[in-house]
């Protein structure tokens, strides 16, 4: 059976990751004091925009920003466009603006979940188009996997969780990935707190097996759920790593075992790793996966059945 996830996986990112804010020529010592006033005015307006955006975790429209800041539409649009190009702001598919990855790293008040979802969305969409299977984005929260985004397969027979769903770490590919790449200092506490309930006969049942599984995942860089959460379903996941090589989130592809066969796992693992690396790079992280994330990503995914 020919692979159903196409011949190529191209990740497109609207975020310029390596840009730097253009600097205006500094004023000379002898220049009149009044000459710096326009620049101060620009800075003041930009700061008002950023302060308005910090107050909203879901983003603001151009109209709302203008109303909140008392900045005229054309000026506000020019500032927003420039800040977006530099990665300081993100524009969502709905047209709302919110804090971007570069600013999120220096703003304790920014919503990392909202930023992660906005940055990941185009990458997840490309992964979904390439594989035609359900694509998931999850984070670890209170010792469980919290699903932040789900793009369901277009197949009539599909497997999908819902946004906001929580699942066990030991029974899911997302959960195993997050546990395997958790901070070393916190990993033991996370693992020892798991209650090993069996969702299916194939679910990992004890701490010894789980530790062995996590070691394997760290070596190969991806996790597989072989009917451990749902009978008849298989899932492949990879971590979104920060500068320290710690998973801030994870991406997965899930589908029925009739379409996601063992022979297809290597190609799917490759595709999900490329996607995870792209999201990591777009978030501004520069750790172990930087080279893969910053490279021009146009990866040819080979057929699973050669």
C-alpha atoms as a PDB file:
ATOM      1  CA  UNK A   1       0.000   0.000   0.000  1.00  0.00           C
ATOM      2  CA  UNK A   2       1.375   3.349  -0.978  1.00  0.00           C
ATOM      3  CA  UNK A   3       1.951   5.896   1.765  1.00  0.00           C
ATOM      4  CA  UNK A   4      -0.966   8.296   2.155  1.00  0.00           C
ATOM      5  CA  UNK A   5       0.957  11.296   3.333  1.00  0.00           C
ATOM      6  CA  UNK A   6       2.333  12.617   0.073  1.00  0.00           C
ATOM      7  CA  UNK A   7       5.787  13.069  -1.369  1.00  0.00           C
ATOM      8  CA  UNK A   8       6.935  16.141   0.478  1.00  0.00           C
ATOM      9  CA  UNK A   9       6.489  18.110   3.651  1.00  0.00           C
ATOM     10  CA  UNK A  10       7.225  21.817   3.363  1.00  0.00           C
ATOM     11  CA  UNK A  11       7.071  23.977   6.470  1.00  0.00           C
ATOM     12  CA  UNK A  12       6.197  27.600   5.770  1.00  0.00           C
ATOM     13  CA  UNK A  13       6.798  30.217   8.417  1.00  0.00           C
ATOM     14  CA  UNK A  14       5.599  33.797   8.236  1.00  0.00           C
ATOM     15  CA  UNK A  15       7.954  34.758  11.036  1.00  0.00           C
ATOM     16  CA  UNK A  16      11.369  36.138  10.224  1.00  0.00           C
ATOM     17  CA  UNK A  17      13.427  34.612  12.985  1.00  0.00           C
ATOM     18  CA  UNK A  18      16.748  36.335  12.558  1.00  0.00           C
ATOM     19  CA  UNK A  19      15.649  39.905  11.940  1.00  0.00           C
ATOM     20  CA  UNK A  20      16.774  42.840  14.036  1.00  0.00           C
ATOM     21  CA  UNK A  21      14.993  46.110  14.595  1.00  0.00           C
ATOM     22  CA  UNK A  22      16.385  48.772  12.297  1.00  0.00           C
ATOM     23  CA  UNK A  23      18.264  51.415  14.216  1.00  0.00           C
ATOM     24  CA  UNK A  24      18.024  55.039  13.284  1.00  0.00           C
ATOM     25  CA  UNK A  25      21.214  57.063  13.138  1.00  0.00           C
ATOM     26  CA  UNK A  26      22.004  58.421  16.578  1.00  0.00           C
ATOM     27  CA  UNK A  27      21.766  62.160  17.111  1.00  0.00           C
ATOM     28  CA  UNK A  28      25.000  64.100  17.201  1.00  0.00           C
ATOM     29  CA  UNK A  29      26.063  65.905  20.328  1.00  0.00           C
ATOM     30  CA  UNK A  30      25.454  69.287  18.785  1.00  0.00           C
ATOM     31  CA  UNK A  31      22.009  68.502  17.331  1.00  0.00           C
ATOM     32  CA  UNK A  32      19.138  70.508  18.786  1.00  0.00           C
ATOM     33  CA  UNK A  33      17.253  68.745  21.576  1.00  0.00           C
ATOM     34  CA  UNK A  34      13.977  69.104  19.658  1.00  0.00           C
ATOM     35  CA  UNK A  35      15.265  66.772  16.921  1.00  0.00           C
ATOM     36  CA  UNK A  36      14.834  63.693  19.112  1.00  0.00           C
ATOM     37  CA  UNK A  37      11.170  64.419  19.838  1.00  0.00           C
ATOM     38  CA  UNK A  38       9.722  62.531  16.805  1.00  0.00           C
ATOM     39  CA  UNK A  39      11.662  59.369  17.772  1.00  0.00           C
ATOM     40  CA  UNK A  40      10.449  59.617  21.358  1.00  0.00           C
ATOM     41  CA  UNK A  41       6.906  59.943  20.022  1.00  0.00           C
ATOM     42  CA  UNK A  42       7.304  56.802  17.932  1.00  0.00           C
ATOM     43  CA  UNK A  43       8.642  54.839  20.896  1.00  0.00           C
ATOM     44  CA  UNK A  44       5.773  56.046  23.052  1.00  0.00           C
ATOM     45  CA  UNK A  45       3.200  54.839  20.505  1.00  0.00           C
ATOM     46  CA  UNK A  46       4.888  51.446  20.098  1.00  0.00           C
ATOM     47  CA  UNK A  47       4.950  50.967  23.868  1.00  0.00           C
ATOM     48  CA  UNK A  48       1.246  51.852  24.091  1.00  0.00           C
ATOM     49  CA  UNK A  49       0.508  49.161  21.500  1.00  0.00           C
ATOM     50  CA  UNK A  50       2.582  46.559  23.365  1.00  0.00           C
ATOM     51  CA  UNK A  51       0.919  47.432  26.675  1.00  0.00           C
ATOM     52  CA  UNK A  52      -2.505  47.009  25.091  1.00  0.00           C
ATOM     53  CA  UNK A  53      -1.558  43.614  23.664  1.00  0.00           C
ATOM     54  CA  UNK A  54      -0.164  42.424  26.993  1.00  0.00           C
ATOM     55  CA  UNK A  55      -3.606  42.884  28.503  1.00  0.00           C
ATOM     56  CA  UNK A  56      -5.151  40.325  26.136  1.00  0.00           C
ATOM     57  CA  UNK A  57      -4.171  36.635  25.970  1.00  0.00           C
ATOM     58  CA  UNK A  58      -6.244  36.025  22.820  1.00  0.00           C
ATOM     59  CA  UNK A  59      -5.042  39.020  20.784  1.00  0.00           C
ATOM     60  CA  UNK A  60      -6.567  42.314  19.602  1.00  0.00           C
ATOM     61  CA  UNK A  61      -7.826  43.542  16.243  1.00  0.00           C
ATOM     62  CA  UNK A  62      -6.373  46.613  14.545  1.00  0.00           C
ATOM     63  CA  UNK A  63      -9.562  48.548  15.314  1.00  0.00           C
ATOM     64  CA  UNK A  64      -9.432  47.651  19.019  1.00  0.00           C
ATOM     65  CA  UNK A  65      -5.746  48.568  19.239  1.00  0.00           C
ATOM     66  CA  UNK A  66      -6.464  51.982  17.718  1.00  0.00           C
ATOM     67  CA  UNK A  67      -9.327  52.560  20.152  1.00  0.00           C
ATOM     68  CA  UNK A  68      -7.251  51.551  23.174  1.00  0.00           C
ATOM     69  CA  UNK A  69      -4.135  53.527  22.224  1.00  0.00           C
ATOM     70  CA  UNK A  70      -5.687  56.538  20.457  1.00  0.00           C
ATOM     71  CA  UNK A  71      -3.303  55.968  17.530  1.00  0.00           C
ATOM     72  CA  UNK A  72      -4.652  56.504  14.018  1.00  0.00           C
ATOM     73  CA  UNK A  73      -5.220  53.416  11.876  1.00  0.00           C
ATOM     74  CA  UNK A  74      -2.498  53.937   9.255  1.00  0.00           C
ATOM     75  CA  UNK A  75       0.184  54.615  11.870  1.00  0.00           C
ATOM     76  CA  UNK A  76      -0.841  51.672  14.041  1.00  0.00           C
ATOM     77  CA  UNK A  77      -0.930  49.352  11.025  1.00  0.00           C
ATOM     78  CA  UNK A  78       2.589  50.423  10.012  1.00  0.00           C
ATOM     79  CA  UNK A  79       3.948  49.725  13.504  1.00  0.00           C
ATOM     80  CA  UNK A  80       2.140  46.381  13.768  1.00  0.00           C
ATOM     81  CA  UNK A  81       3.395  45.247  10.370  1.00  0.00           C
ATOM     82  CA  UNK A  82       6.996  46.082  11.256  1.00  0.00           C
ATOM     83  CA  UNK A  83       6.816  44.420  14.692  1.00  0.00           C
ATOM     84  CA  UNK A  84       5.294  41.350  13.053  1.00  0.00           C
ATOM     85  CA  UNK A  85       8.113  41.144  10.510  1.00  0.00           C
ATOM     86  CA  UNK A  86      10.638  41.192  13.328  1.00  0.00           C
ATOM     87  CA  UNK A  87       8.901  38.429  15.294  1.00  0.00           C
ATOM     88  CA  UNK A  88       7.835  40.677  18.174  1.00  0.00           C
ATOM     89  CA  UNK A  89       4.149  40.250  17.299  1.00  0.00           C
ATOM     90  CA  UNK A  90       2.077  37.485  15.740  1.00  0.00           C
ATOM     91  CA  UNK A  91      -0.977  37.967  13.549  1.00  0.00           C
ATOM     92  CA  UNK A  92      -3.413  35.064  13.918  1.00  0.00           C
ATOM     93  CA  UNK A  93      -5.479  33.541  11.132  1.00  0.00           C
ATOM     94  CA  UNK A  94      -8.456  35.540  12.455  1.00  0.00           C
ATOM     95  CA  UNK A  95      -6.496  38.790  11.987  1.00  0.00           C
ATOM     96  CA  UNK A  96      -5.836  39.482  15.674  1.00  0.00           C
ATOM     97  CA  UNK A  97      -2.434  40.606  16.914  1.00  0.00           C
ATOM     98  CA  UNK A  98      -0.751  39.140  19.974  1.00  0.00           C
ATOM     99  CA  UNK A  99       2.664  38.992  21.621  1.00  0.00           C
ATOM    100  CA  UNK A 100       5.202  37.180  19.410  1.00  0.00           C
ATOM    101  CA  UNK A 101       7.976  34.706  20.259  1.00  0.00           C
ATOM    102  CA  UNK A 102      10.817  37.199  20.577  1.00  0.00           C
ATOM    103  CA  UNK A 103       8.879  39.463  22.905  1.00  0.00           C
ATOM    104  CA  UNK A 104       7.393  36.522  24.820  1.00  0.00           C
ATOM    105  CA  UNK A 105      10.866  35.521  25.942  1.00  0.00           C
ATOM    106  CA  UNK A 106      11.453  38.873  27.611  1.00  0.00           C
ATOM    107  CA  UNK A 107       7.910  39.432  28.871  1.00  0.00           C
ATOM    108  CA  UNK A 108       6.881  37.486  31.956  1.00  0.00           C
ATOM    109  CA  UNK A 109       3.282  38.522  31.455  1.00  0.00           C
ATOM    110  CA  UNK A 110       2.952  37.171  27.936  1.00  0.00           C
ATOM    111  CA  UNK A 111       0.759  34.108  27.408  1.00  0.00           C
ATOM    112  CA  UNK A 112       3.144  31.362  26.256  1.00  0.00           C
ATOM    113  CA  UNK A 113       0.282  29.027  25.362  1.00  0.00           C
ATOM    114  CA  UNK A 114      -1.354  31.557  23.041  1.00  0.00           C
ATOM    115  CA  UNK A 115       1.996  32.397  21.448  1.00  0.00           C
ATOM    116  CA  UNK A 116       2.864  28.721  21.016  1.00  0.00           C
ATOM    117  CA  UNK A 117      -0.487  27.994  19.370  1.00  0.00           C
ATOM    118  CA  UNK A 118      -0.174  30.934  16.961  1.00  0.00           C
ATOM    119  CA  UNK A 119       3.423  30.083  16.010  1.00  0.00           C
ATOM    120  CA  UNK A 120       2.684  26.367  15.637  1.00  0.00           C
ATOM    121  CA  UNK A 121      -0.539  26.697  13.616  1.00  0.00           C
ATOM    122  CA  UNK A 122       0.944  27.092  10.104  1.00  0.00           C
ATOM    123  CA  UNK A 123       3.456  24.302  10.762  1.00  0.00           C
ATOM    124  CA  UNK A 124       0.734  21.972  12.051  1.00  0.00           C
ATOM    125  CA  UNK A 125      -1.383  22.806   9.003  1.00  0.00           C
ATOM    126  CA  UNK A 126       1.459  21.872   6.653  1.00  0.00           C
ATOM    127  CA  UNK A 127       2.025  18.634   8.559  1.00  0.00           C
ATOM    128  CA  UNK A 128      -1.688  17.827   8.332  1.00  0.00           C
ATOM    129  CA  UNK A 129      -1.735  18.502   4.573  1.00  0.00           C
ATOM    130  CA  UNK A 130       1.310  16.290   4.050  1.00  0.00           C
ATOM    131  CA  UNK A 131       0.124  13.327   6.138  1.00  0.00           C
ATOM    132  CA  UNK A 132      -3.684  13.604   5.939  1.00  0.00           C
ATOM    133  CA  UNK A 133      -3.824  12.265   9.497  1.00  0.00           C
ATOM    134  CA  UNK A 134      -4.840  13.969  12.744  1.00  0.00           C
ATOM    135  CA  UNK A 135      -2.169  16.357  14.068  1.00  0.00           C
ATOM    136  CA  UNK A 136      -1.935  17.303  17.762  1.00  0.00           C
ATOM    137  CA  UNK A 137      -0.102  19.912  19.848  1.00  0.00           C
ATOM    138  CA  UNK A 138       0.208  19.230  23.582  1.00  0.00           C
ATOM    139  CA  UNK A 139       1.940  20.437  26.728  1.00  0.00           C
ATOM    140  CA  UNK A 140       2.514  18.941  30.156  1.00  0.00           C
ATOM    141  CA  UNK A 141       0.158  20.409  32.733  1.00  0.00           C
ATOM    142  CA  UNK A 142      -0.409  19.149  36.286  1.00  0.00           C
ATOM    143  CA  UNK A 143       1.179  15.793  35.480  1.00  0.00           C
ATOM    144  CA  UNK A 144      -0.983  15.172  32.401  1.00  0.00           C
ATOM    145  CA  UNK A 145      -0.965  15.953  28.680  1.00  0.00           C
ATOM    146  CA  UNK A 146      -3.102  18.997  27.838  1.00  0.00           C
ATOM    147  CA  UNK A 147      -4.116  19.218  24.169  1.00  0.00           C
ATOM    148  CA  UNK A 148      -3.664  22.824  22.955  1.00  0.00           C
ATOM    149  CA  UNK A 149      -4.538  22.243  19.308  1.00  0.00           C
ATOM    150  CA  UNK A 150      -5.958  19.421  17.201  1.00  0.00           C
ATOM    151  CA  UNK A 151      -6.396  19.332  13.414  1.00  0.00           C
ATOM    152  CA  UNK A 152      -8.544  16.330  12.590  1.00  0.00           C
ATOM    153  CA  UNK A 153      -7.921  14.014   9.666  1.00  0.00           C
ATOM    154  CA  UNK A 154     -10.277  14.415   6.718  1.00  0.00           C
ATOM    155  CA  UNK A 155     -10.715  10.638   6.513  1.00  0.00           C
ATOM    156  CA  UNK A 156     -14.140   9.331   7.467  1.00  0.00           C
ATOM    157  CA  UNK A 157     -12.474   6.891   9.894  1.00  0.00           C
ATOM    158  CA  UNK A 158     -10.194   8.984  12.077  1.00  0.00           C
ATOM    159  CA  UNK A 159      -8.936   9.278  15.634  1.00  0.00           C
ATOM    160  CA  UNK A 160      -8.870  12.628  17.377  1.00  0.00           C
ATOM    161  CA  UNK A 161      -8.849  14.183  20.806  1.00  0.00           C
ATOM    162  CA  UNK A 162     -10.430  17.558  21.498  1.00  0.00           C
ATOM    163  CA  UNK A 163      -8.717  20.812  22.447  1.00  0.00           C
ATOM    164  CA  UNK A 164      -8.618  20.943  26.248  1.00  0.00           C
ATOM    165  CA  UNK A 165      -8.573  17.155  26.625  1.00  0.00           C
ATOM    166  CA  UNK A 166      -6.206  15.731  29.247  1.00  0.00           C
ATOM    167  CA  UNK A 167      -4.599  12.291  28.955  1.00  0.00           C
ATOM    168  CA  UNK A 168      -2.112  10.221  30.933  1.00  0.00           C
ATOM    169  CA  UNK A 169       1.600  10.667  30.295  1.00  0.00           C
ATOM    170  CA  UNK A 170       2.398   6.947  30.204  1.00  0.00           C
ATOM    171  CA  UNK A 171      -0.285   5.950  27.679  1.00  0.00           C
ATOM    172  CA  UNK A 172       0.221   8.559  24.943  1.00  0.00           C
ATOM    173  CA  UNK A 173       3.009   9.415  22.516  1.00  0.00           C
ATOM    174  CA  UNK A 174       2.684  13.091  23.433  1.00  0.00           C
ATOM    175  CA  UNK A 175       2.897  12.288  27.141  1.00  0.00           C
ATOM    176  CA  UNK A 176       5.868   9.967  26.791  1.00  0.00           C
ATOM    177  CA  UNK A 177       7.692  12.601  24.720  1.00  0.00           C
ATOM    178  CA  UNK A 178       7.033  15.331  27.279  1.00  0.00           C
ATOM    179  CA  UNK A 179       8.163  13.095  30.147  1.00  0.00           C
ATOM    180  CA  UNK A 180      11.300  11.925  28.304  1.00  0.00           C
ATOM    181  CA  UNK A 181      12.412  15.502  27.588  1.00  0.00           C
ATOM    182  CA  UNK A 182      11.305  17.053  30.873  1.00  0.00           C
ATOM    183  CA  UNK A 183      14.026  18.852  32.896  1.00  0.00           C
ATOM    184  CA  UNK A 184      16.290  16.236  34.465  1.00  0.00           C
ATOM    185  CA  UNK A 185      15.772  17.810  37.897  1.00  0.00           C
ATOM    186  CA  UNK A 186      11.993  17.433  37.655  1.00  0.00           C
ATOM    187  CA  UNK A 187      11.697  14.248  35.603  1.00  0.00           C
ATOM    188  CA  UNK A 188      11.829  11.804  38.510  1.00  0.00           C
ATOM    189  CA  UNK A 189       9.120  13.678  40.373  1.00  0.00           C
ATOM    190  CA  UNK A 190       6.886  13.649  37.299  1.00  0.00           C
ATOM    191  CA  UNK A 191       7.467   9.961  36.601  1.00  0.00           C
ATOM    192  CA  UNK A 192       7.046   8.775  40.189  1.00  0.00           C
ATOM    193  CA  UNK A 193       3.717  10.576  40.438  1.00  0.00           C
ATOM    194  CA  UNK A 194       2.106   8.581  37.613  1.00  0.00           C
ATOM    195  CA  UNK A 195      -0.694   6.147  38.443  1.00  0.00           C
ATOM    196  CA  UNK A 196      -0.216   3.338  35.935  1.00  0.00           C
ATOM    197  CA  UNK A 197      -3.778   2.606  34.918  1.00  0.00           C
ATOM    198  CA  UNK A 198      -4.190   0.456  31.815  1.00  0.00           C
ATOM    199  CA  UNK A 199      -6.227   2.072  29.042  1.00  0.00           C
ATOM    200  CA  UNK A 200      -5.689  -1.010  26.860  1.00  0.00           C
ATOM    201  CA  UNK A 201      -3.880  -4.375  27.273  1.00  0.00           C
ATOM    202  CA  UNK A 202      -0.859  -2.752  25.606  1.00  0.00           C
ATOM    203  CA  UNK A 203      -0.509   0.195  28.026  1.00  0.00           C
ATOM    204  CA  UNK A 204       2.748   0.428  30.008  1.00  0.00           C
ATOM    205  CA  UNK A 205       1.918  -0.927  33.459  1.00  0.00           C
ATOM    206  CA  UNK A 206       4.782  -0.053  35.794  1.00  0.00           C
ATOM    207  CA  UNK A 207       7.566   2.400  36.536  1.00  0.00           C
ATOM    208  CA  UNK A 208      10.372   0.077  35.410  1.00  0.00           C
ATOM    209  CA  UNK A 209       8.859  -0.312  31.932  1.00  0.00           C
ATOM    210  CA  UNK A 210       8.162   3.408  31.701  1.00  0.00           C
ATOM    211  CA  UNK A 211      11.738   4.399  32.585  1.00  0.00           C
ATOM    212  CA  UNK A 212      13.030   2.018  29.930  1.00  0.00           C
ATOM    213  CA  UNK A 213      10.635   3.535  27.404  1.00  0.00           C
ATOM    214  CA  UNK A 214      11.739   7.083  28.248  1.00  0.00           C
ATOM    215  CA  UNK A 215      15.398   6.171  27.781  1.00  0.00           C
ATOM    216  CA  UNK A 216      14.582   4.735  24.347  1.00  0.00           C
ATOM    217  CA  UNK A 217      12.659   7.902  23.401  1.00  0.00           C
ATOM    218  CA  UNK A 218      15.573  10.144  24.414  1.00  0.00           C
ATOM    219  CA  UNK A 219      17.912   8.085  22.231  1.00  0.00           C
ATOM    220  CA  UNK A 220      15.745   8.074  19.103  1.00  0.00           C
ATOM    221  CA  UNK A 221      14.189  11.533  19.503  1.00  0.00           C
ATOM    222  CA  UNK A 222      10.574  10.467  19.099  1.00  0.00           C
ATOM    223  CA  UNK A 223       7.886   8.408  20.831  1.00  0.00           C
ATOM    224  CA  UNK A 224       5.349   5.913  19.539  1.00  0.00           C
ATOM    225  CA  UNK A 225       2.012   4.939  21.056  1.00  0.00           C
ATOM    226  CA  UNK A 226       1.240   1.431  19.773  1.00  0.00           C
ATOM    227  CA  UNK A 227      -2.439   1.030  20.710  1.00  0.00           C
ATOM    228  CA  UNK A 228      -1.557   1.997  24.280  1.00  0.00           C
ATOM    229  CA  UNK A 229      -4.202   4.721  24.641  1.00  0.00           C
ATOM    230  CA  UNK A 230      -6.836   3.386  22.220  1.00  0.00           C
ATOM    231  CA  UNK A 231      -7.000  -0.050  20.613  1.00  0.00           C
ATOM    232  CA  UNK A 232      -6.638   0.260  16.858  1.00  0.00           C
ATOM    233  CA  UNK A 233      -4.792   3.603  17.048  1.00  0.00           C
ATOM    234  CA  UNK A 234      -1.134   4.430  16.587  1.00  0.00           C
ATOM    235  CA  UNK A 235       0.554   7.793  17.280  1.00  0.00           C
ATOM    236  CA  UNK A 236       4.031   9.235  16.630  1.00  0.00           C
ATOM    237  CA  UNK A 237       5.350  12.268  18.537  1.00  0.00           C
ATOM    238  CA  UNK A 238       8.425  14.528  18.763  1.00  0.00           C
ATOM    239  CA  UNK A 239       9.389  17.280  21.248  1.00  0.00           C
ATOM    240  CA  UNK A 240       9.493  21.040  20.736  1.00  0.00           C
ATOM    241  CA  UNK A 241      12.717  21.853  22.565  1.00  0.00           C
ATOM    242  CA  UNK A 242      13.896  25.080  24.184  1.00  0.00           C
ATOM    243  CA  UNK A 243      17.479  26.344  24.473  1.00  0.00           C
ATOM    244  CA  UNK A 244      18.240  23.802  27.223  1.00  0.00           C
ATOM    245  CA  UNK A 245      16.932  20.812  25.275  1.00  0.00           C
ATOM    246  CA  UNK A 246      13.801  20.660  27.452  1.00  0.00           C
ATOM    247  CA  UNK A 247      10.395  20.002  25.888  1.00  0.00           C
ATOM    248  CA  UNK A 248       8.085  23.002  26.141  1.00  0.00           C
ATOM    249  CA  UNK A 249       5.490  21.110  24.089  1.00  0.00           C
ATOM    250  CA  UNK A 250       5.182  18.179  21.705  1.00  0.00           C
ATOM    251  CA  UNK A 251       3.678  17.467  18.277  1.00  0.00           C
ATOM    252  CA  UNK A 252       2.104  14.195  17.210  1.00  0.00           C
ATOM    253  CA  UNK A 253       0.440  12.463  14.277  1.00  0.00           C
ATOM    254  CA  UNK A 254      -2.275   9.912  15.080  1.00  0.00           C
ATOM    255  CA  UNK A 255      -4.358   7.541  13.014  1.00  0.00           C
ATOM    256  CA  UNK A 256      -5.797   4.040  12.793  1.00  0.00           C
ATOM    257  CA  UNK A 257      -3.323   1.172  12.580  1.00  0.00           C
ATOM    258  CA  UNK A 258      -4.700   0.323   9.138  1.00  0.00           C
ATOM    259  CA  UNK A 259      -3.162   3.556   7.801  1.00  0.00           C
ATOM    260  CA  UNK A 260      -0.391   4.189  10.339  1.00  0.00           C
ATOM    261  CA  UNK A 261       1.371   0.848  10.066  1.00  0.00           C
ATOM    262  CA  UNK A 262       4.717  -0.039  11.719  1.00  0.00           C
ATOM    263  CA  UNK A 263       6.444   0.310   8.335  1.00  0.00           C
ATOM    264  CA  UNK A 264       5.211   3.896   8.071  1.00  0.00           C
ATOM    265  CA  UNK A 265       6.463   4.968  11.513  1.00  0.00           C
ATOM    266  CA  UNK A 266      10.017   5.965  10.422  1.00  0.00           C
ATOM    267  CA  UNK A 267       8.743   8.372   7.742  1.00  0.00           C
ATOM    268  CA  UNK A 268       6.094   9.803  10.052  1.00  0.00           C
ATOM    269  CA  UNK A 269       8.691  10.201  12.804  1.00  0.00           C
ATOM    270  CA  UNK A 270      10.884  12.139  10.398  1.00  0.00           C
ATOM    271  CA  UNK A 271       7.987  14.405   9.390  1.00  0.00           C
ATOM    272  CA  UNK A 272       6.942  15.124  12.962  1.00  0.00           C
ATOM    273  CA  UNK A 273      10.548  15.884  13.973  1.00  0.00           C
ATOM    274  CA  UNK A 274      10.885  18.386  11.117  1.00  0.00           C
ATOM    275  CA  UNK A 275       7.667  20.064  12.260  1.00  0.00           C
ATOM    276  CA  UNK A 276       8.754  20.146  15.914  1.00  0.00           C
ATOM    277  CA  UNK A 277      12.138  21.616  14.967  1.00  0.00           C
ATOM    278  CA  UNK A 278      10.460  24.299  12.852  1.00  0.00           C
ATOM    279  CA  UNK A 279       8.190  25.333  15.729  1.00  0.00           C
ATOM    280  CA  UNK A 280      11.146  25.387  18.128  1.00  0.00           C
ATOM    281  CA  UNK A 281      13.077  27.650  15.771  1.00  0.00           C
ATOM    282  CA  UNK A 282      10.059  29.904  15.138  1.00  0.00           C
ATOM    283  CA  UNK A 283       9.665  30.304  18.902  1.00  0.00           C
ATOM    284  CA  UNK A 284      13.194  31.706  18.946  1.00  0.00           C
ATOM    285  CA  UNK A 285      14.897  28.783  20.662  1.00  0.00           C
ATOM    286  CA  UNK A 286      18.480  28.067  19.668  1.00  0.00           C
ATOM    287  CA  UNK A 287      19.385  24.900  21.518  1.00  0.00           C
ATOM    288  CA  UNK A 288      20.247  21.432  20.259  1.00  0.00           C
ATOM    289  CA  UNK A 289      17.726  21.591  17.396  1.00  0.00           C
ATOM    290  CA  UNK A 290      18.677  25.061  16.093  1.00  0.00           C
ATOM    291  CA  UNK A 291      20.541  23.859  13.027  1.00  0.00           C
ATOM    292  CA  UNK A 292      17.596  21.780  11.870  1.00  0.00           C
ATOM    293  CA  UNK A 293      15.130  24.499  12.716  1.00  0.00           C
ATOM    294  CA  UNK A 294      16.997  27.345  11.004  1.00  0.00           C
ATOM    295  CA  UNK A 295      17.765  25.424   7.852  1.00  0.00           C
ATOM    296  CA  UNK A 296      15.529  25.936   4.849  1.00  0.00           C
ATOM    297  CA  UNK A 297      12.979  23.224   5.570  1.00  0.00           C
ATOM    298  CA  UNK A 298      11.846  21.493   2.436  1.00  0.00           C
ATOM    299  CA  UNK A 299      12.086  17.856   3.381  1.00  0.00           C
ATOM    300  CA  UNK A 300      11.163  15.031   1.032  1.00  0.00           C
ATOM    301  CA  UNK A 301       9.359  12.334   3.023  1.00  0.00           C
ATOM    302  CA  UNK A 302      10.006   8.947   1.407  1.00  0.00           C
ATOM    303  CA  UNK A 303       7.245   6.414   0.932  1.00  0.00           C
ATOM    304  CA  UNK A 304       6.800   4.231   3.990  1.00  0.00           C
ATOM    305  CA  UNK A 305       6.500   1.143   1.789  1.00  0.00           C
ATOM    306  CA  UNK A 306       9.450   0.994  -0.553  1.00  0.00           C
END
